[in-house]
Structures are given as structure tokens and as C-alpha cells.
Amino acid sequence: MEECKVCNLYDLSQTMARDLLESVTYPWEALGQINDYILEIGNKLDPNKYDKIGEDVWIAKTAKVMPSAYIQGPAIIGENAEIRHCAFIRGKVIVGDNAVVGNSTELKNVILFNKVQVPHYNYVGDSILGYQAHMGAGSITSNVKSDKKLVVVKNGKEQIVTGLKKFGAMIGDKVEIGCNSVLNPGTVIGNNSNVYPLSSVRGVIPSNSIYKNQNEIVEKI
């Protein structure tokens, strides 16, 4: 599944998690390492640019964090990022430069590349969102199957057994997710693709596609 590889989904120059993602073939292989990676690089961040707040939370001096936001470590909030009213960051989170985490949005065990926007009532768990990816209001990543079985990434007849019980979505660079969509466990969306509002998405969606429904995925022109 070439389209699912890190090198085909992401511009690694747009994240401080570059070293971590370069060490794996498929991005979901990095999910179990986010915690330790943050602890490894956190104390190496420039103290002229980052403040360490509480236990294992590093926040860029240029970031805007609303007083009502909750941030649990380990976490890194990048330069010029915006953490809005009642955002709930539950740990194991890297928020990239110029990213937006919106009102009542919840994050857990995720990497947000630079300029990602999850601005309104989103849940993002056990997921990686590429450069300039945007999730419309109310869209979420569902990260556990209803039968609680391990997640399998499926692309037609091809399958990859991930060995993970918790796996939300791997979203490529510049992907647009429509409002109130659900990305089911094991979803992979190629870069520069769009998902219609109110969609229920599963499996692998090719790059440069428009997802209208499971039976209608068309190439962008």
C-alpha cells in the first residue's frame, strides 16, 4: 500500500515530529511512540521560544492559549498556535506551528502538522493530521472499533493488520474534511483530497480525490 506510507502522505518539513515519522514506514506505527518522543525533545526546545508549564507541557511563547483550555502533558504547543476556549488536550499531543485547536475540541495521542485546523467541536484521537489539513465543525476520528477488535487498514483486497486497538485516522497534507463527518478506525486519506459533509469514511481514500460516499470517490480535476 504505497499510498499509505509516510513519504506519500506528508511533507515532513512541516512538523517537529519529523525524526519520529522518518523512523517508520506507515504513520500509525508512530502512534505508540508519541509520548516518549515528546519527552525526548521537550527539554531540548529553545527556552527563549518555549516555556515549560507544569509537568511535561511545553508552550511556545508566541502561542495563544485561552485560560479555559486544559492541557495535560506530555504535550508541545508550537509557535503561533491557537488553543481556543474549552479545548481539551489529554496528553501525548504535538500541536504544530500556526495550528488551531478550537472550542470544545478534544485531542489525545495525536500529531498535528503545521497549520492544521481542528477548530470547532472536533474529536481527534490516535491520529496524525498533515500540513494544512482541516476538519470541519463536528467532524471526528473514531478510534476504537465497536467490536473492540484490532484495526485493519483496508484498500480493496489489500489489507494491513496494524496490531492496534486504538487507531483513528491518518490524514494527508491539505485534506479537507466536511462538517459532521466520521472517520472510522483505520481510515487513511491521501493528500489534497476532500470529504463531503456528513460522510462516514473507512478504508484508504486516494490522493487528489473527492469522497462523496463509499461508492462514489472521484478524481479531482
C-alpha atoms as a PDB file:
ATOM      1  CA  MET A   1       0.000   0.000   0.000  1.00  0.00           C
ATOM      2  CA  GLU A   2       2.297   2.706  -1.272  1.00  0.00           C
ATOM      3  CA  GLU A   3      -0.279   5.457  -0.771  1.00  0.00           C
ATOM      4  CA  CYS A   4      -0.338   4.740   2.980  1.00  0.00           C
ATOM      5  CA  LYS A   5       3.381   5.259   3.513  1.00  0.00           C
ATOM      6  CA  VAL A   6       4.618   8.286   5.428  1.00  0.00           C
ATOM      7  CA  CYS A   7       6.601   9.520   2.438  1.00  0.00           C
ATOM      8  CA  ASN A   8       3.457   9.678   0.277  1.00  0.00           C
ATOM      9  CA  LEU A   9       1.146  11.303   2.822  1.00  0.00           C
ATOM     10  CA  TYR A  10       3.203  14.014   4.467  1.00  0.00           C
ATOM     11  CA  ASP A  11       5.687  16.827   3.935  1.00  0.00           C
ATOM     12  CA  LEU A  12       7.919  16.109   6.917  1.00  0.00           C
ATOM     13  CA  SER A  13       9.475  19.558   6.799  1.00  0.00           C
ATOM     14  CA  GLN A  14       6.180  20.783   8.290  1.00  0.00           C
ATOM     15  CA  THR A  15       6.371  19.060  11.679  1.00  0.00           C
ATOM     16  CA  MET A  16       8.681  18.835  14.672  1.00  0.00           C
ATOM     17  CA  ALA A  17       7.867  15.100  14.661  1.00  0.00           C
ATOM     18  CA  ARG A  18       9.972  14.610  11.539  1.00  0.00           C
ATOM     19  CA  ASP A  19      12.558  12.354  13.175  1.00  0.00           C
ATOM     20  CA  LEU A  20       9.856  10.139  14.633  1.00  0.00           C
ATOM     21  CA  LEU A  21       7.956   9.759  11.368  1.00  0.00           C
ATOM     22  CA  GLU A  22      11.116   9.164   9.356  1.00  0.00           C
ATOM     23  CA  SER A  23      11.799   6.162  11.576  1.00  0.00           C
ATOM     24  CA  VAL A  24       8.641   4.305  10.469  1.00  0.00           C
ATOM     25  CA  THR A  25       7.171   3.126   7.179  1.00  0.00           C
ATOM     26  CA  TYR A  26       3.478   3.643   7.921  1.00  0.00           C
ATOM     27  CA  PRO A  27       2.406   6.597  10.098  1.00  0.00           C
ATOM     28  CA  TRP A  28       0.287   4.565  12.512  1.00  0.00           C
ATOM     29  CA  GLU A  29       3.489   2.788  13.575  1.00  0.00           C
ATOM     30  CA  ALA A  30       4.440   6.044  15.323  1.00  0.00           C
ATOM     31  CA  LEU A  31       1.308   6.265  17.491  1.00  0.00           C
ATOM     32  CA  GLY A  32       2.782   4.240  20.340  1.00  0.00           C
ATOM     33  CA  GLN A  33       5.922   6.393  20.378  1.00  0.00           C
ATOM     34  CA  ILE A  34       4.420   9.896  20.595  1.00  0.00           C
ATOM     35  CA  ASN A  35       4.593  10.020  24.399  1.00  0.00           C
ATOM     36  CA  ASP A  36       8.295   9.175  24.625  1.00  0.00           C
ATOM     37  CA  TYR A  37       9.172  11.362  21.643  1.00  0.00           C
ATOM     38  CA  ILE A  38       7.652  14.437  23.284  1.00  0.00           C
ATOM     39  CA  LEU A  39       9.586  13.759  26.485  1.00  0.00           C
ATOM     40  CA  GLU A  40      12.758  13.305  24.439  1.00  0.00           C
ATOM     41  CA  ILE A  41      12.563  16.560  22.506  1.00  0.00           C
ATOM     42  CA  GLY A  42      10.705  18.721  25.004  1.00  0.00           C
ATOM     43  CA  ASN A  43      13.671  19.570  27.183  1.00  0.00           C
ATOM     44  CA  LYS A  44      15.725  20.296  24.065  1.00  0.00           C
ATOM     45  CA  LEU A  45      13.375  23.057  22.899  1.00  0.00           C
ATOM     46  CA  ASP A  46      14.819  26.574  22.904  1.00  0.00           C
ATOM     47  CA  PRO A  47      13.879  28.173  26.267  1.00  0.00           C
ATOM     48  CA  ASN A  48      13.863  31.529  24.518  1.00  0.00           C
ATOM     49  CA  LYS A  49      10.957  30.273  22.401  1.00  0.00           C
ATOM     50  CA  TYR A  50       9.173  27.811  24.716  1.00  0.00           C
ATOM     51  CA  ASP A  51       8.007  27.873  28.317  1.00  0.00           C
ATOM     52  CA  LYS A  52       7.640  24.671  30.291  1.00  0.00           C
ATOM     53  CA  ILE A  53       4.311  24.803  32.094  1.00  0.00           C
ATOM     54  CA  GLY A  54       3.601  22.271  34.818  1.00  0.00           C
ATOM     55  CA  GLU A  55       4.607  18.684  34.147  1.00  0.00           C
ATOM     56  CA  ASP A  56       5.866  17.972  30.638  1.00  0.00           C
ATOM     57  CA  VAL A  57       3.918  20.694  28.830  1.00  0.00           C
ATOM     58  CA  TRP A  58       5.876  22.996  26.554  1.00  0.00           C
ATOM     59  CA  ILE A  59       4.099  26.032  25.098  1.00  0.00           C
ATOM     60  CA  ALA A  60       5.638  28.420  22.589  1.00  0.00           C
ATOM     61  CA  LYS A  61       5.807  31.981  23.867  1.00  0.00           C
ATOM     62  CA  THR A  62       4.028  33.128  20.707  1.00  0.00           C
ATOM     63  CA  ALA A  63       1.143  30.650  21.096  1.00  0.00           C
ATOM     64  CA  LYS A  64      -2.261  31.919  22.184  1.00  0.00           C
ATOM     65  CA  VAL A  65      -3.858  29.710  24.840  1.00  0.00           C
ATOM     66  CA  MET A  66      -7.241  30.637  26.289  1.00  0.00           C
ATOM     67  CA  PRO A  67      -7.447  30.425  30.095  1.00  0.00           C
ATOM     68  CA  SER A  68     -10.343  27.965  29.814  1.00  0.00           C
ATOM     69  CA  ALA A  69      -8.297  25.458  27.773  1.00  0.00           C
ATOM     70  CA  TYR A  70      -6.999  22.314  29.520  1.00  0.00           C
ATOM     71  CA  ILE A  71      -3.621  20.878  28.547  1.00  0.00           C
ATOM     72  CA  GLN A  72      -2.332  17.655  30.091  1.00  0.00           C
ATOM     73  CA  GLY A  73       1.218  16.549  29.408  1.00  0.00           C
ATOM     74  CA  PRO A  74       3.144  15.374  27.707  1.00  0.00           C
ATOM     75  CA  ALA A  75       2.332  17.974  25.091  1.00  0.00           C
ATOM     76  CA  ILE A  76       4.017  20.545  22.892  1.00  0.00           C
ATOM     77  CA  ILE A  77       2.173  23.592  21.557  1.00  0.00           C
ATOM     78  CA  GLY A  78       4.015  25.132  18.607  1.00  0.00           C
ATOM     79  CA  GLU A  79       4.772  28.707  17.670  1.00  0.00           C
ATOM     80  CA  ASN A  80       1.812  30.956  16.854  1.00  0.00           C
ATOM     81  CA  ALA A  81      -0.607  28.097  17.534  1.00  0.00           C
ATOM     82  CA  GLU A  82      -4.048  28.980  18.849  1.00  0.00           C
ATOM     83  CA  ILE A  83      -5.729  26.933  21.592  1.00  0.00           C
ATOM     84  CA  ARG A  84      -9.254  28.225  21.941  1.00  0.00           C
ATOM     85  CA  HIS A  85     -11.973  28.268  24.602  1.00  0.00           C
ATOM     86  CA  CYS A  86     -12.521  24.940  26.389  1.00  0.00           C
ATOM     87  CA  ALA A  87     -10.116  22.955  24.218  1.00  0.00           C
ATOM     88  CA  PHE A  88      -9.303  19.641  25.944  1.00  0.00           C
ATOM     89  CA  ILE A  89      -5.817  18.300  25.263  1.00  0.00           C
ATOM     90  CA  ARG A  90      -5.481  14.963  27.026  1.00  0.00           C
ATOM     91  CA  GLY A  91      -1.770  14.301  26.587  1.00  0.00           C
ATOM     92  CA  LYS A  92       0.582  12.747  24.034  1.00  0.00           C
ATOM     93  CA  VAL A  93      -0.106  15.658  21.700  1.00  0.00           C
ATOM     94  CA  ILE A  94       2.052  17.721  19.359  1.00  0.00           C
ATOM     95  CA  VAL A  95       0.340  20.829  18.004  1.00  0.00           C
ATOM     96  CA  GLY A  96       2.273  22.312  15.090  1.00  0.00           C
ATOM     97  CA  ASP A  97       3.152  25.912  14.345  1.00  0.00           C
ATOM     98  CA  ASN A  98       0.202  28.123  13.348  1.00  0.00           C
ATOM     99  CA  ALA A  99      -2.255  25.309  14.076  1.00  0.00           C
ATOM    100  CA  VAL A 100      -5.723  25.931  15.518  1.00  0.00           C
ATOM    101  CA  VAL A 101      -7.354  23.785  18.206  1.00  0.00           C
ATOM    102  CA  GLY A 102     -10.868  25.115  18.542  1.00  0.00           C
ATOM    103  CA  ASN A 103     -13.594  25.495  21.084  1.00  0.00           C
ATOM    104  CA  SER A 104     -14.538  22.235  22.790  1.00  0.00           C
ATOM    105  CA  THR A 105     -12.153  20.241  20.587  1.00  0.00           C
ATOM    106  CA  GLU A 106     -10.587  17.187  22.239  1.00  0.00           C
ATOM    107  CA  LEU A 107      -7.176  15.753  21.319  1.00  0.00           C
ATOM    108  CA  LYS A 108      -5.493  12.572  22.550  1.00  0.00           C
ATOM    109  CA  ASN A 109      -2.323  10.895  21.258  1.00  0.00           C
ATOM    110  CA  VAL A 110      -2.083  12.905  18.053  1.00  0.00           C
ATOM    111  CA  ILE A 111       0.337  14.790  15.857  1.00  0.00           C
ATOM    112  CA  LEU A 112      -0.960  17.928  14.181  1.00  0.00           C
ATOM    113  CA  PHE A 113       1.378  19.226  11.497  1.00  0.00           C
ATOM    114  CA  ASN A 114       1.864  22.952  10.978  1.00  0.00           C
ATOM    115  CA  LYS A 115      -1.237  24.947  10.004  1.00  0.00           C
ATOM    116  CA  VAL A 116      -3.680  22.146  10.819  1.00  0.00           C
ATOM    117  CA  GLN A 117      -7.127  23.363  11.819  1.00  0.00           C
ATOM    118  CA  VAL A 118      -9.458  21.419  14.113  1.00  0.00           C
ATOM    119  CA  PRO A 119     -11.455  24.499  15.020  1.00  0.00           C
ATOM    120  CA  HIS A 120     -14.966  23.518  16.154  1.00  0.00           C
ATOM    121  CA  TYR A 121     -16.215  20.610  18.280  1.00  0.00           C
ATOM    122  CA  ASN A 122     -13.834  18.001  16.890  1.00  0.00           C
ATOM    123  CA  TYR A 123     -12.588  14.791  18.491  1.00  0.00           C
ATOM    124  CA  VAL A 124      -9.182  13.660  17.237  1.00  0.00           C
ATOM    125  CA  GLY A 125      -7.667  10.595  18.878  1.00  0.00           C
ATOM    126  CA  ASP A 126      -4.786   8.289  17.923  1.00  0.00           C
ATOM    127  CA  SER A 127      -4.404  10.122  14.632  1.00  0.00           C
ATOM    128  CA  ILE A 128      -1.954  12.141  12.547  1.00  0.00           C
ATOM    129  CA  LEU A 129      -3.071  15.175  10.530  1.00  0.00           C
ATOM    130  CA  GLY A 130      -0.828  16.507   7.772  1.00  0.00           C
ATOM    131  CA  TYR A 131       0.165  20.029   6.800  1.00  0.00           C
ATOM    132  CA  GLN A 132      -2.813  22.378   6.354  1.00  0.00           C
ATOM    133  CA  ALA A 133      -5.353  19.600   6.932  1.00  0.00           C
ATOM    134  CA  HIS A 134      -8.723  20.937   8.058  1.00  0.00           C
ATOM    135  CA  MET A 135     -11.580  19.224   9.861  1.00  0.00           C
ATOM    136  CA  GLY A 136     -14.975  20.863   9.509  1.00  0.00           C
ATOM    137  CA  ALA A 137     -17.166  21.576  12.506  1.00  0.00           C
ATOM    138  CA  GLY A 138     -18.292  18.451  14.331  1.00  0.00           C
ATOM    139  CA  SER A 139     -16.154  16.031  12.330  1.00  0.00           C
ATOM    140  CA  ILE A 140     -14.389  13.355  14.374  1.00  0.00           C
ATOM    141  CA  THR A 141     -11.997  10.452  14.243  1.00  0.00           C
ATOM    142  CA  SER A 142     -13.487   7.261  15.678  1.00  0.00           C
ATOM    143  CA  ASN A 143     -10.521   5.416  17.143  1.00  0.00           C
ATOM    144  CA  VAL A 144     -11.937   2.130  18.515  1.00  0.00           C
ATOM    145  CA  LYS A 145     -13.992  -0.437  16.599  1.00  0.00           C
ATOM    146  CA  SER A 146     -17.422  -1.277  18.015  1.00  0.00           C
ATOM    147  CA  ASP A 147     -16.387  -4.939  18.381  1.00  0.00           C
ATOM    148  CA  LYS A 148     -13.133  -3.864  20.075  1.00  0.00           C
ATOM    149  CA  LYS A 149     -11.058  -5.940  17.658  1.00  0.00           C
ATOM    150  CA  LEU A 150      -7.664  -4.802  16.320  1.00  0.00           C
ATOM    151  CA  VAL A 151      -7.775  -2.315  13.485  1.00  0.00           C
ATOM    152  CA  VAL A 152      -7.033  -3.454   9.935  1.00  0.00           C
ATOM    153  CA  VAL A 153      -6.270  -0.934   7.179  1.00  0.00           C
ATOM    154  CA  LYS A 154      -8.167  -1.976   4.056  1.00  0.00           C
ATOM    155  CA  ASN A 155      -7.719  -0.877   0.463  1.00  0.00           C
ATOM    156  CA  GLY A 156      -9.871  -3.080  -1.729  1.00  0.00           C
ATOM    157  CA  LYS A 157      -8.459  -6.581  -1.413  1.00  0.00           C
ATOM    158  CA  GLU A 158      -5.248  -5.330   0.215  1.00  0.00           C
ATOM    159  CA  GLN A 159      -5.075  -5.380   3.992  1.00  0.00           C
ATOM    160  CA  ILE A 160      -2.560  -4.435   6.669  1.00  0.00           C
ATOM    161  CA  VAL A 161      -3.073  -5.769  10.179  1.00  0.00           C
ATOM    162  CA  THR A 162      -1.893  -2.950  12.439  1.00  0.00           C
ATOM    163  CA  GLY A 163      -1.949  -4.745  15.777  1.00  0.00           C
ATOM    164  CA  LEU A 164      -3.574  -1.625  17.261  1.00  0.00           C
ATOM    165  CA  LYS A 165      -6.820  -1.474  19.179  1.00  0.00           C
ATOM    166  CA  LYS A 166      -6.834   2.327  19.046  1.00  0.00           C
ATOM    167  CA  PHE A 167      -6.276   3.893  15.632  1.00  0.00           C
ATOM    168  CA  GLY A 168      -8.237   6.870  14.374  1.00  0.00           C
ATOM    169  CA  ALA A 169      -7.229   8.335  11.010  1.00  0.00           C
ATOM    170  CA  MET A 170      -4.099   9.158   9.065  1.00  0.00           C
ATOM    171  CA  ILE A 171      -4.956  12.346   7.170  1.00  0.00           C
ATOM    172  CA  GLY A 172      -2.574  13.591   4.475  1.00  0.00           C
ATOM    173  CA  ASP A 173      -1.480  17.134   3.710  1.00  0.00           C
ATOM    174  CA  LYS A 174      -4.120  19.660   2.630  1.00  0.00           C
ATOM    175  CA  VAL A 175      -7.065  17.325   3.190  1.00  0.00           C
ATOM    176  CA  GLU A 176     -10.477  18.913   3.774  1.00  0.00           C
ATOM    177  CA  ILE A 177     -12.972  17.004   5.942  1.00  0.00           C
ATOM    178  CA  GLY A 178     -16.590  18.144   5.667  1.00  0.00           C
ATOM    179  CA  CYS A 179     -18.679  19.068   8.681  1.00  0.00           C
ATOM    180  CA  ASN A 180     -20.113  16.309  10.886  1.00  0.00           C
ATOM    181  CA  SER A 181     -18.185  13.545   9.139  1.00  0.00           C
ATOM    182  CA  VAL A 182     -16.967  10.413  10.934  1.00  0.00           C
ATOM    183  CA  LEU A 183     -13.606   8.909  10.025  1.00  0.00           C
ATOM    184  CA  ASN A 184     -13.883   5.287  11.141  1.00  0.00           C
ATOM    185  CA  PRO A 185     -10.972   3.362  12.725  1.00  0.00           C
ATOM    186  CA  GLY A 186      -8.167   2.691  10.269  1.00  0.00           C
ATOM    187  CA  THR A 187      -9.098   5.425   7.772  1.00  0.00           C
ATOM    188  CA  VAL A 188      -6.253   6.749   5.611  1.00  0.00           C
ATOM    189  CA  ILE A 189      -6.906   9.789   3.401  1.00  0.00           C
ATOM    190  CA  GLY A 190      -4.358  10.729   0.747  1.00  0.00           C
ATOM    191  CA  ASN A 191      -3.129  14.280   0.439  1.00  0.00           C
ATOM    192  CA  ASN A 192      -5.104  17.025  -1.312  1.00  0.00           C
ATOM    193  CA  SER A 193      -8.409  15.147  -1.012  1.00  0.00           C
ATOM    194  CA  ASN A 194     -11.850  16.378   0.037  1.00  0.00           C
ATOM    195  CA  VAL A 195     -14.544  14.581   2.014  1.00  0.00           C
ATOM    196  CA  TYR A 196     -18.180  15.647   1.683  1.00  0.00           C
ATOM    197  CA  PRO A 197     -20.028  16.765   4.821  1.00  0.00           C
ATOM    198  CA  LEU A 198     -21.965  14.103   6.761  1.00  0.00           C
ATOM    199  CA  SER A 199     -19.752  11.324   5.421  1.00  0.00           C
ATOM    200  CA  SER A 200     -18.925   8.026   7.121  1.00  0.00           C
ATOM    201  CA  VAL A 201     -15.465   7.170   5.824  1.00  0.00           C
ATOM    202  CA  ARG A 202     -13.475   3.947   6.125  1.00  0.00           C
ATOM    203  CA  GLY A 203     -10.528   2.392   4.362  1.00  0.00           C
ATOM    204  CA  VAL A 204      -7.998   4.104   2.107  1.00  0.00           C
ATOM    205  CA  ILE A 205      -9.010   7.169   0.088  1.00  0.00           C
ATOM    206  CA  PRO A 206      -6.562   8.010  -2.731  1.00  0.00           C
ATOM    207  CA  SER A 207      -4.752  11.325  -3.006  1.00  0.00           C
ATOM    208  CA  ASN A 208      -6.389  14.062  -5.089  1.00  0.00           C
ATOM    209  CA  SER A 209      -9.853  12.579  -4.629  1.00  0.00           C
ATOM    210  CA  ILE A 210     -13.329  13.799  -3.744  1.00  0.00           C
ATOM    211  CA  TYR A 211     -15.148  11.433  -1.383  1.00  0.00           C
ATOM    212  CA  LYS A 212     -18.897  11.728  -1.938  1.00  0.00           C
ATOM    213  CA  ASN A 213     -19.851   8.387  -0.417  1.00  0.00           C
ATOM    214  CA  GLN A 214     -18.332   4.917  -0.118  1.00  0.00           C
ATOM    215  CA  ASN A 215     -19.443   4.046  -3.642  1.00  0.00           C
ATOM    216  CA  GLU A 216     -18.576   7.375  -5.258  1.00  0.00           C
ATOM    217  CA  ILE A 217     -14.972   8.519  -4.927  1.00  0.00           C
ATOM    218  CA  VAL A 218     -13.902  10.620  -7.893  1.00  0.00           C
ATOM    219  CA  GLU A 219     -10.601  12.085  -9.005  1.00  0.00           C
ATOM    220  CA  LYS A 220     -10.109  15.810  -8.559  1.00  0.00           C
ATOM    221  CA  ILE A 221      -9.745  17.734 -11.816  1.00  0.00           C
END
